[in-house]
N, C-alpha and C. Protein backbone atom coordinates (compact mmCIF):
# COMPACT_ATOMS: atom_id res chain seq x y z
N MET A 1 85.73 88.59 117.47
CA MET A 1 85.24 89.33 116.32
C MET A 1 85.83 90.75 116.32
N ALA A 2 85.97 91.32 117.51
CA ALA A 2 86.49 92.62 117.62
C ALA A 2 87.93 92.67 117.22
N HIS A 3 88.73 91.68 117.54
CA HIS A 3 90.16 91.59 117.17
C HIS A 3 90.28 91.46 115.59
N GLU A 4 89.40 90.69 115.02
CA GLU A 4 89.45 90.56 113.56
C GLU A 4 89.09 91.88 112.88
N ALA A 5 88.10 92.60 113.37
CA ALA A 5 87.76 93.89 112.83
C ALA A 5 88.90 94.86 113.01
N ASN A 6 89.55 94.85 114.16
CA ASN A 6 90.71 95.66 114.41
C ASN A 6 91.86 95.40 113.44
N ASP A 7 92.10 94.08 113.19
CA ASP A 7 93.14 93.66 112.29
C ASP A 7 92.84 94.13 110.81
N LEU A 8 91.60 94.03 110.47
CA LEU A 8 91.25 94.47 109.11
C LEU A 8 91.44 96.01 108.97
N LEU A 9 90.98 96.75 109.97
CA LEU A 9 91.14 98.19 109.94
C LEU A 9 92.67 98.55 109.92
N THR A 10 93.51 97.82 110.65
CA THR A 10 94.93 98.11 110.71
C THR A 10 95.54 97.91 109.30
N VAL A 11 95.14 96.86 108.66
CA VAL A 11 95.65 96.58 107.26
C VAL A 11 95.17 97.66 106.35
N LEU A 12 93.93 98.06 106.41
CA LEU A 12 93.40 99.12 105.49
C LEU A 12 94.14 100.41 105.80
N ILE A 13 94.42 100.81 107.06
CA ILE A 13 95.08 102.04 107.39
C ILE A 13 96.45 102.01 106.83
N PHE A 14 97.18 100.85 107.02
CA PHE A 14 98.54 100.70 106.49
C PHE A 14 98.54 100.90 105.02
N ALA A 15 97.63 100.23 104.36
CA ALA A 15 97.52 100.34 102.86
C ALA A 15 97.26 101.73 102.44
N ASP A 16 96.45 102.43 103.16
CA ASP A 16 96.12 103.82 102.81
C ASP A 16 97.39 104.74 102.99
N LYS A 17 98.06 104.57 104.14
CA LYS A 17 99.25 105.42 104.38
C LYS A 17 100.34 105.08 103.36
N ALA A 18 100.46 103.84 102.98
CA ALA A 18 101.50 103.41 101.99
C ALA A 18 101.11 103.77 100.57
N LYS A 19 99.83 104.21 100.39
CA LYS A 19 99.24 104.66 99.07
C LYS A 19 99.43 103.49 98.04
N ILE A 20 99.06 102.26 98.51
CA ILE A 20 99.07 101.11 97.62
C ILE A 20 97.68 100.80 97.03
N PHE A 21 96.64 101.54 97.39
CA PHE A 21 95.31 101.21 96.82
C PHE A 21 95.30 101.50 95.30
N ASP A 22 96.11 102.43 94.83
CA ASP A 22 96.11 102.73 93.43
C ASP A 22 96.76 101.60 92.62
N ARG A 23 97.61 100.75 93.30
CA ARG A 23 98.21 99.65 92.57
C ARG A 23 97.52 98.29 92.74
N THR A 24 96.47 98.29 93.51
CA THR A 24 95.65 97.06 93.73
C THR A 24 94.71 96.90 92.62
N PRO A 25 94.44 95.60 92.24
CA PRO A 25 93.42 95.40 91.13
C PRO A 25 92.06 95.77 91.52
N LYS A 26 91.27 96.23 90.59
CA LYS A 26 89.93 96.58 90.77
C LYS A 26 89.02 95.66 90.12
N TYR A 27 87.97 95.15 90.75
CA TYR A 27 87.07 94.20 90.15
C TYR A 27 85.72 94.86 90.13
N VAL A 28 85.18 95.04 88.91
CA VAL A 28 83.94 95.70 88.75
C VAL A 28 83.04 94.81 87.83
N ALA A 29 81.75 95.01 87.93
CA ALA A 29 80.82 94.29 87.01
C ALA A 29 79.74 95.36 86.56
N GLY A 30 79.34 95.21 85.30
CA GLY A 30 78.33 96.07 84.76
C GLY A 30 76.99 95.89 85.41
N SER A 31 76.70 94.67 85.89
CA SER A 31 75.44 94.37 86.51
C SER A 31 75.64 93.16 87.41
N PRO A 32 74.79 93.01 88.45
CA PRO A 32 74.94 91.90 89.37
C PRO A 32 74.78 90.56 88.65
N ASP A 33 74.05 90.51 87.60
CA ASP A 33 73.81 89.27 86.81
C ASP A 33 75.10 88.75 86.24
N SER A 34 76.10 89.58 86.01
CA SER A 34 77.35 89.11 85.41
C SER A 34 78.38 88.68 86.45
N MET A 35 77.97 88.82 87.72
CA MET A 35 78.92 88.44 88.80
C MET A 35 78.76 86.93 89.07
N PRO A 36 79.88 86.28 89.51
CA PRO A 36 79.74 84.82 89.76
C PRO A 36 78.87 84.57 91.02
N SER A 37 78.20 83.51 91.06
CA SER A 37 77.38 83.22 92.21
C SER A 37 78.26 82.68 93.34
N LEU A 38 77.81 82.90 94.60
CA LEU A 38 78.56 82.43 95.70
C LEU A 38 78.28 80.98 95.88
N ARG A 39 79.24 80.20 96.24
CA ARG A 39 79.07 78.83 96.43
C ARG A 39 79.45 78.50 97.90
N LEU A 40 78.55 77.71 98.57
CA LEU A 40 78.82 77.32 99.94
C LEU A 40 79.49 75.98 99.94
N TYR A 41 80.56 75.88 100.69
CA TYR A 41 81.22 74.63 100.83
C TYR A 41 80.93 74.02 102.15
N ALA A 42 81.36 72.77 102.46
CA ALA A 42 81.02 72.07 103.66
C ALA A 42 81.32 72.90 104.88
N GLY A 43 82.57 73.43 104.87
CA GLY A 43 83.02 74.20 106.08
C GLY A 43 82.20 75.52 106.26
N ASP A 44 81.86 76.17 105.18
CA ASP A 44 81.05 77.40 105.21
C ASP A 44 79.66 77.07 105.78
N MET A 45 79.09 75.99 105.30
CA MET A 45 77.75 75.64 105.79
C MET A 45 77.71 75.31 107.28
N GLN A 46 78.73 74.63 107.68
CA GLN A 46 78.84 74.25 109.11
C GLN A 46 78.88 75.51 109.96
N GLY A 47 79.60 76.52 109.58
CA GLY A 47 79.67 77.79 110.31
C GLY A 47 78.38 78.49 110.35
N LEU A 48 77.69 78.48 109.18
CA LEU A 48 76.35 79.14 109.21
C LEU A 48 75.35 78.37 110.04
N LEU A 49 75.43 77.04 109.94
CA LEU A 49 74.49 76.30 110.87
C LEU A 49 74.78 76.50 112.31
N GLU A 50 76.05 76.66 112.71
CA GLU A 50 76.35 76.97 114.07
C GLU A 50 75.85 78.26 114.56
N ILE A 51 75.96 79.23 113.68
CA ILE A 51 75.41 80.60 113.98
C ILE A 51 73.92 80.51 114.13
N LEU A 52 73.18 79.79 113.28
CA LEU A 52 71.78 79.66 113.33
C LEU A 52 71.32 78.95 114.63
N ARG A 53 72.11 77.88 114.99
CA ARG A 53 71.80 77.19 116.25
C ARG A 53 71.87 78.15 117.46
N LYS A 54 72.93 78.91 117.51
CA LYS A 54 73.14 79.84 118.62
C LYS A 54 72.02 80.88 118.69
N LEU A 55 71.66 81.37 117.47
CA LEU A 55 70.55 82.37 117.37
C LEU A 55 69.28 81.76 117.81
N ASP A 56 68.98 80.49 117.40
CA ASP A 56 67.77 79.82 117.80
C ASP A 56 67.74 79.61 119.32
N SER A 57 68.86 79.26 119.93
CA SER A 57 68.81 79.07 121.37
C SER A 57 68.62 80.39 122.17
N LYS A 58 69.18 81.47 121.58
CA LYS A 58 69.02 82.79 122.25
C LYS A 58 67.61 83.24 122.12
N VAL A 59 66.94 83.01 120.99
CA VAL A 59 65.56 83.37 120.77
C VAL A 59 64.68 82.56 121.70
N SER A 60 64.99 81.27 121.87
CA SER A 60 64.20 80.38 122.76
C SER A 60 64.33 80.90 124.16
N GLU A 61 65.55 81.29 124.61
CA GLU A 61 65.72 81.84 125.96
C GLU A 61 64.88 83.12 126.10
N HIS A 62 64.88 83.92 125.19
CA HIS A 62 64.06 85.21 125.32
C HIS A 62 62.62 84.93 125.35
N ASN A 63 62.17 83.97 124.58
CA ASN A 63 60.76 83.61 124.53
C ASN A 63 60.32 83.00 125.86
N SER A 64 61.21 82.21 126.53
CA SER A 64 60.80 81.60 127.77
C SER A 64 60.70 82.61 128.91
N VAL A 65 61.44 83.72 128.78
CA VAL A 65 61.41 84.74 129.84
C VAL A 65 60.16 85.54 129.66
């Protein structure tokens, strides 16, 4: 996770130094109701379920202590 965060920061720093943020598209909405809803796909749901399973096991470990 730390490597991914560092990679994202590196890309943002590069984009800032190259001054390309002004040329990137901007997506805005007048209200959240006009934004498209998020859809979960099979792969996304599996990832969320795995995170929840890990969280559940950690909570169980802390409760047993």
